[in-house]
Protein backbone atom coordinates (compact mmCIF):
# COMPACT_ATOMS: atom_id res chain seq x y z
CA MET A 1 7.56 0.86 -17.36
CA LYS A 2 8.32 2.80 -14.19
CA PHE A 3 7.28 1.88 -10.67
CA TYR A 4 6.11 3.18 -7.31
CA VAL A 5 8.28 2.85 -4.23
CA GLY A 6 6.95 2.78 -0.67
CA ALA A 7 10.06 4.71 0.28
CA TYR A 8 8.90 5.45 3.82
CA ALA A 9 9.38 1.80 4.79
CA SER A 10 13.08 1.82 3.84
CA SER A 11 13.81 5.32 5.12
CA PRO A 12 16.68 5.81 7.59
CA ASN A 13 14.10 7.68 9.68
CA VAL A 14 11.67 4.83 10.38
CA SER A 15 11.85 5.42 14.14
CA GLY A 16 12.67 9.12 14.27
CA TRP A 17 13.09 12.28 12.21
CA ASP A 18 16.31 13.76 10.89
CA ALA A 19 15.59 16.17 8.02
CA GLU A 20 19.19 16.17 6.79
CA LYS A 21 19.37 12.38 6.69
CA GLU A 22 15.99 12.16 4.97
CA GLY A 23 17.07 14.80 2.47
CA GLU A 24 20.08 12.71 1.46
CA TYR A 25 17.83 9.67 1.14
CA TYR A 26 15.39 11.51 -1.14
CA SER A 27 18.26 12.94 -3.18
CA GLN A 28 19.51 9.44 -3.90
CA LEU A 29 16.01 8.15 -4.68
CA LYS A 30 15.73 10.81 -7.37
CA SER A 31 18.65 9.19 -9.16
CA LEU A 32 16.71 5.94 -9.64
CA THR A 33 15.38 6.26 -13.17
CA SER A 34 12.89 3.40 -12.77
CA ILE A 35 10.90 5.25 -10.09
CA LYS A 36 7.55 6.60 -11.26
CA GLY A 37 6.71 7.99 -7.85
CA LEU A 38 6.02 7.19 -4.22
CA GLU A 39 3.53 5.18 -2.24
CA HIS A 40 3.11 7.87 0.40
CA PRO A 41 2.03 7.15 3.98
CA PHE A 42 -0.91 9.17 5.25
CA VAL A 43 -1.17 9.64 9.01
CA GLY A 44 -3.43 12.71 9.23
CA ASN A 45 -1.28 15.37 7.56
CA LEU A 46 0.39 15.49 4.17
CA HIS A 47 3.67 14.52 5.81
CA GLY A 48 4.08 12.92 9.22
CA ASN A 49 6.74 15.42 10.30
CA ASP A 50 6.93 18.45 8.03
CA ASP A 51 4.66 19.28 5.08
CA ALA A 52 6.94 22.09 3.88
CA TRP A 53 10.01 19.84 3.95
CA PHE A 54 8.17 17.20 1.94
CA LEU A 55 7.01 19.62 -0.75
CA GLU A 56 10.52 21.04 -1.09
CA ASN A 57 12.26 17.67 -1.35
CA ILE A 58 10.10 15.56 -3.65
CA ASP A 59 10.82 15.27 -7.34
CA PRO A 60 8.16 17.46 -8.99
CA ASN A 61 7.83 14.85 -11.73
CA TRP A 62 6.95 12.01 -9.34
CA ASP A 63 3.42 10.66 -9.19
CA PHE A 64 1.94 9.51 -5.88
CA VAL A 65 -0.43 7.00 -4.40
CA PHE A 66 -1.44 7.61 -0.81
CA THR A 67 -1.70 4.67 1.58
CA CYS A 68 -3.85 5.08 4.66
CA ILE A 69 -2.53 2.02 6.50
CA PRO A 70 -0.05 3.85 8.80
CA GLY A 71 -2.79 6.20 9.98
CA VAL A 72 -5.34 3.41 10.23
CA MET A 73 -3.07 1.31 12.43
CA GLY A 74 -2.34 4.31 14.63
CA ALA A 75 -6.05 4.98 15.03
CA LEU A 76 -6.77 1.32 15.80
CA SER A 77 -4.24 1.40 18.62
CA LYS A 78 -6.42 4.02 20.29
CA ASN A 79 -9.86 2.79 19.23
CA PRO A 80 -10.28 -0.84 18.06
CA ASN A 81 -13.66 0.12 16.54
CA PHE A 82 -12.06 2.53 14.05
CA GLY A 83 -12.52 1.72 10.38
CA LEU A 84 -14.51 2.20 7.20
CA ALA A 85 -16.00 -1.27 7.69
CA SER A 86 -16.78 -0.77 11.38
CA ASP A 87 -20.22 -1.67 12.67
CA ASP A 88 -19.62 0.85 15.45
CA GLU A 89 -20.98 4.13 14.10
CA GLU A 90 -18.58 6.33 16.04
CA GLY A 91 -15.60 4.32 14.83
CA ARG A 92 -16.88 4.41 11.27
CA GLN A 93 -17.36 8.17 11.37
CA GLN A 94 -13.84 8.62 12.72
CA ALA A 95 -12.54 6.72 9.71
CA ILE A 96 -14.58 8.89 7.34
CA GLU A 97 -13.16 12.02 8.98
CA PHE A 98 -9.66 10.58 8.55
CA CYS A 99 -10.38 10.09 4.83
CA ALA A 100 -11.52 13.72 4.60
CA GLN A 101 -8.10 14.74 5.93
CA ALA A 102 -6.49 12.58 3.24
CA ARG A 103 -8.65 14.22 0.58
CA ASP A 104 -7.44 17.64 1.73
CA ALA A 105 -3.81 16.49 1.75
CA ILE A 106 -4.19 15.25 -1.82
CA ALA A 107 -5.47 18.68 -2.83
CA LYS A 108 -2.49 20.34 -1.11
CA LEU A 109 0.02 18.13 -2.93
CA ASN A 110 -1.67 18.62 -6.29
CA GLN A 111 -1.73 22.38 -5.74
CA SER A 112 1.99 22.38 -4.96
CA THR A 113 2.95 20.35 -8.04
CA GLY A 114 0.52 22.22 -10.27
CA ARG A 115 -0.97 19.03 -11.69
CA GLN A 116 -2.88 15.87 -10.78
CA SER A 117 0.15 14.16 -9.26
CA VAL A 118 -1.85 11.91 -6.90
CA LYS A 119 -3.13 8.98 -8.93
CA GLY A 120 -4.84 6.97 -6.22
CA ILE A 121 -5.41 6.36 -2.53
CA PHE A 122 -5.22 2.97 -0.83
CA LEU A 123 -8.08 2.43 1.61
CA GLN A 124 -8.24 -0.49 4.04
CA THR A 125 -11.23 -2.34 5.48
CA ALA A 126 -10.56 -1.97 9.21
CA PRO A 127 -11.33 -2.84 11.98
CA ASN A 128 -9.58 -6.04 13.04
CA ARG A 129 -12.54 -8.41 13.20
CA THR A 130 -10.96 -10.49 15.97
CA LYS A 131 -11.21 -7.41 18.19
CA ALA A 132 -14.25 -5.50 16.87
CA SER A 133 -17.23 -5.92 14.59
CA GLY A 134 -16.82 -5.10 10.90
CA SER A 135 -18.98 -5.86 7.88
CA ALA A 136 -19.33 -5.46 4.15
CA GLN A 137 -22.53 -3.50 4.76
CA ALA A 138 -20.77 -0.89 6.86
CA PHE A 139 -17.94 -0.66 4.35
CA GLU A 140 -20.33 -0.11 1.46
CA LYS A 141 -22.06 2.64 3.40
CA SER A 142 -18.72 4.39 4.00
CA LEU A 143 -17.65 4.14 0.36
CA LYS A 144 -20.93 5.67 -0.78
CA THR A 145 -20.03 8.73 1.28
CA LEU A 146 -16.46 8.88 -0.02
CA LEU A 147 -17.60 8.58 -3.63
CA GLN A 148 -19.53 11.83 -3.26
CA TRP A 149 -16.33 13.81 -2.62
CA ASP A 150 -13.93 15.52 -5.02
CA TRP A 151 -10.74 13.46 -5.01
CA GLN A 152 -9.18 15.50 -7.83
CA GLY A 153 -8.89 12.44 -10.03
CA ALA A 154 -7.30 10.15 -7.45
CA GLN A 155 -8.86 6.70 -7.74
CA LEU A 156 -10.24 5.07 -4.61
CA LEU A 157 -8.47 1.72 -4.29
CA ILE A 158 -8.90 -0.99 -1.69
CA GLU A 159 -5.65 -2.49 -0.50
CA HIS A 160 -6.50 -5.99 0.63
CA CYS A 161 -4.99 -6.85 4.01
CA ASP A 162 -5.06 -10.29 5.60
CA ALA A 163 -8.47 -11.40 6.85
CA PRO A 164 -8.89 -13.55 9.99
CA ASN A 165 -7.92 -17.16 9.39
CA GLU A 166 -8.16 -20.19 11.64
CA GLY A 167 -4.93 -21.42 13.17
CA HIS A 168 -3.06 -18.14 13.63
CA ALA A 169 -3.62 -14.56 14.75
CA PRO A 170 -3.97 -12.12 11.84
CA ALA A 171 -1.60 -9.24 11.22
CA LYS A 172 -4.51 -6.97 10.29
CA GLY A 173 -7.70 -9.06 10.41
CA PHE A 174 -9.77 -6.91 8.04
CA LEU A 175 -12.56 -7.90 5.64
CA SER A 176 -12.20 -10.92 3.38
CA LEU A 177 -11.26 -10.40 -0.25
CA GLU A 178 -14.63 -11.91 -1.21
CA ASP A 179 -16.49 -9.23 0.77
CA GLU A 180 -14.34 -6.45 -0.70
CA ILE A 181 -15.00 -7.70 -4.23
CA LYS A 182 -18.73 -7.98 -3.57
CA VAL A 183 -18.96 -4.39 -2.32
CA LEU A 184 -16.89 -2.93 -5.13
CA LYS A 185 -18.74 -4.75 -7.89
CA ALA A 186 -22.06 -3.51 -6.50
CA LEU A 187 -20.85 0.09 -6.26
CA ASN A 188 -19.15 0.07 -9.65
CA GLU A 189 -22.54 -0.57 -11.24
CA GLN A 190 -23.70 2.74 -9.76
CA THR A 191 -20.68 5.06 -10.14
CA LYS A 192 -18.87 6.70 -13.05
CA THR A 193 -15.59 6.52 -11.11
CA PRO A 194 -14.82 2.81 -10.76
CA LEU A 195 -13.28 1.48 -7.59
CA GLY A 196 -10.45 -1.03 -7.75
CA ILE A 197 -8.29 -3.34 -5.66
CA VAL A 198 -4.55 -3.41 -5.09
CA ILE A 199 -2.83 -6.56 -3.86
CA ASN A 200 0.16 -6.37 -1.53
CA TRP A 201 2.07 -9.62 -1.97
CA GLY A 202 3.12 -10.02 1.64
CA ARG A 203 -0.24 -9.18 3.15
CA SER A 204 -1.97 -11.74 0.96
CA ALA A 205 0.62 -14.41 1.76
CA LEU A 206 0.17 -13.74 5.48
CA GLU A 207 -3.54 -14.50 5.28
CA THR A 208 -3.10 -18.25 4.94
CA GLN A 209 0.67 -18.35 5.58
CA ARG A 210 1.15 -19.65 2.04
CA ALA A 211 3.29 -17.97 -0.60
CA GLU A 212 0.84 -19.14 -3.27
CA GLN A 213 -1.98 -17.10 -1.72
CA ALA A 214 -0.79 -13.83 -3.24
CA LEU A 215 -0.92 -15.22 -6.77
CA GLU A 216 -4.35 -16.70 -6.09
CA HIS A 217 -5.61 -13.33 -4.85
CA ILE A 218 -4.26 -11.63 -7.97
CA GLU A 219 -6.03 -14.16 -10.17
CA THR A 220 -9.30 -13.76 -8.23
CA VAL A 221 -9.27 -9.95 -8.43
CA LYS A 222 -8.25 -10.04 -12.08
CA LYS A 223 -11.19 -12.34 -12.86
CA ALA A 224 -13.49 -9.88 -11.09
CA ASP A 225 -12.11 -7.10 -13.34
CA LEU A 226 -11.01 -5.05 -10.32
CA LEU A 227 -7.21 -5.41 -10.34
CA GLU A 228 -5.53 -2.00 -10.43
CA GLY A 229 -2.14 -2.74 -8.96
CA ILE A 230 0.34 -4.92 -7.10
CA MET A 231 2.80 -3.78 -4.46
CA PHE A 232 5.58 -6.24 -3.71
CA SER A 233 6.56 -6.72 -0.06
CA GLY A 234 7.85 -10.10 1.01
CA ALA A 235 7.30 -12.50 3.89
CA SER A 236 8.93 -15.66 5.20
CA ASN A 237 8.29 -18.86 7.13
CA GLN A 238 11.84 -18.77 8.53
CA GLU A 239 13.39 -16.97 11.48
CA SER A 240 15.18 -13.72 10.65
CA GLU A 241 15.20 -10.09 11.75
CA TYR A 242 11.96 -9.73 9.77
CA GLY A 243 10.12 -12.36 11.83
CA VAL A 244 8.15 -15.43 10.79
CA TRP A 245 5.02 -14.53 8.79
CA LYS A 246 5.18 -10.88 9.83
CA ASP A 247 4.04 -7.78 7.93
CA THR A 248 7.54 -6.25 7.93
CA HIS A 249 7.95 -5.56 4.18
CA MET A 250 10.72 -8.12 3.74
CA PRO A 251 12.78 -7.53 0.58
CA PRO A 252 12.70 -10.21 -2.11
CA ALA A 253 15.20 -13.04 -2.32
CA PRO A 254 18.12 -13.02 -2.86
CA ILE A 255 18.36 -9.53 -1.33
CA GLU A 256 16.92 -11.16 1.82
CA PRO A 257 17.73 -14.88 1.49
CA THR A 258 14.86 -16.11 3.69
CA SER A 259 12.17 -14.31 1.67
CA LEU A 260 9.58 -16.46 -0.10
CA MET A 261 9.08 -13.65 -2.64
CA THR A 262 11.66 -14.47 -5.30
CA GLU A 263 12.14 -12.82 -8.68
CA GLN A 264 10.36 -15.76 -10.33
CA VAL A 265 7.41 -15.37 -7.94
CA ILE A 266 7.25 -11.65 -8.76
CA HIS A 267 7.29 -12.41 -12.49
CA ASP A 268 4.56 -15.04 -12.10
CA CYS A 269 2.36 -12.48 -10.34
CA LEU A 270 2.98 -9.85 -13.01
CA SER A 271 2.17 -12.39 -15.70
CA ALA A 272 -1.12 -13.24 -13.98
CA SER A 273 -1.98 -9.55 -13.71
CA GLY A 274 -1.94 -9.05 -17.45
CA PHE A 275 -0.44 -5.58 -16.97
CA ALA A 276 1.17 -4.32 -20.16
CA LYS A 277 4.43 -2.37 -20.29
CA ASP A 278 2.52 0.82 -21.17
CA SER A 279 -0.12 0.24 -18.50
CA ASP A 280 -1.15 2.85 -15.94
CA ALA A 281 -1.41 0.10 -13.34
CA ILE A 282 0.12 0.73 -9.93
CA VAL A 283 3.11 -1.61 -9.67
CA GLY A 284 5.87 -1.19 -7.16
CA ILE A 285 7.87 -2.27 -4.14
CA LYS A 286 7.82 -1.50 -0.44
CA LEU A 287 10.84 -2.72 1.51
CA GLY A 288 11.61 -2.72 5.19
CA ILE A 289 15.34 -2.67 5.90
CA ARG A 290 17.10 -4.60 8.65
CA PRO A 291 19.11 -3.86 10.68
CA SER A 292 17.95 -0.35 11.53
CA SER A 293 21.57 0.85 11.47
CA THR A 294 21.82 0.18 7.71
CA ASP A 295 23.33 3.20 5.92
CA THR A 296 21.47 5.26 3.33
CA ASP A 297 23.53 4.09 0.35
CA THR A 298 22.68 0.45 1.14
CA ARG A 299 18.99 1.28 1.62
CA VAL A 300 18.78 2.95 -1.77
CA GLY A 301 20.78 0.11 -3.33
CA MET A 302 18.32 -2.49 -2.04
CA ASN A 303 15.46 -0.55 -3.60
CA ARG A 304 17.41 -0.31 -6.87
CA ASP A 305 18.01 -4.07 -6.90
CA ALA A 306 14.36 -4.86 -6.20
CA LEU A 307 13.18 -2.46 -8.89
CA SER A 308 15.49 -4.20 -11.34
CA MET A 309 13.48 -7.39 -10.84
CA LEU A 310 10.35 -5.60 -12.03
CA THR A 311 12.18 -3.98 -14.92
CA ARG A 312 13.51 -7.33 -16.14
CA TYR A 313 9.97 -8.71 -16.36
CA PHE A 314 8.70 -5.88 -18.55
CA ASP A 315 11.85 -5.80 -20.66
CA ASN A 316 11.55 -9.49 -21.60
């Protein structure tokens, strides 16, 4: 089995843009034989800096899943009412327009590769409900609109992000998993193109600040017959450059010793998923790298080591 990599999170260009440096990074990523493709950040254009550069530097054999979270968080910083689940109609419409831009970017990438290279798009249930009003009803209304569009075969997938929880401020504060499941099950009874859910390990763990929460979310979504993927980003309850219970895409232990996401934890989650070795499920990693001065070789090596943990599960 091969895997997706959220390569943007471990790029040497996280806080800037250097095409030559990024080109070397992509060149080394192409040498990783366990990569199926990229979890690609959508911020409003196909590529945040240079569409032409991106199309020239990707491996034409890679598959892609788009994630809207970078663009969603950028939009929320300007308008806290932004989101597909927003009860504010203007904010909800802005989110729908953003999704239309993503749809067009998917078409552009597919046209360039000459095939259906984009397999899915991760949607999130903004806004942050500690700062604005959001609801399952508004989210369902938005999805009904999106389901009418031509996504060129890309599946609409909800990436669950931490919902508000008593005792600590949320990282994202979006809809509860229960509400997301309720909406998707209702819509899947009406559509020929089923919606699904992807679990990000770290974002689930952040919700209750418990490592076990991610596994419980996987089991819940699996039982609801909606589980389409798992992306592995870690989190920790200890001080480090990644912060305590922060959404910073901490690598797994022992790559980052303080991470609660160990290889055994990863294997337990994959076991609960029921994903077979020949599955089309979206499985992958997304790593943030600290310190920011880390060289490209080390960045690629950390991705290689994390991917090996996934490979060992499916090879056993």
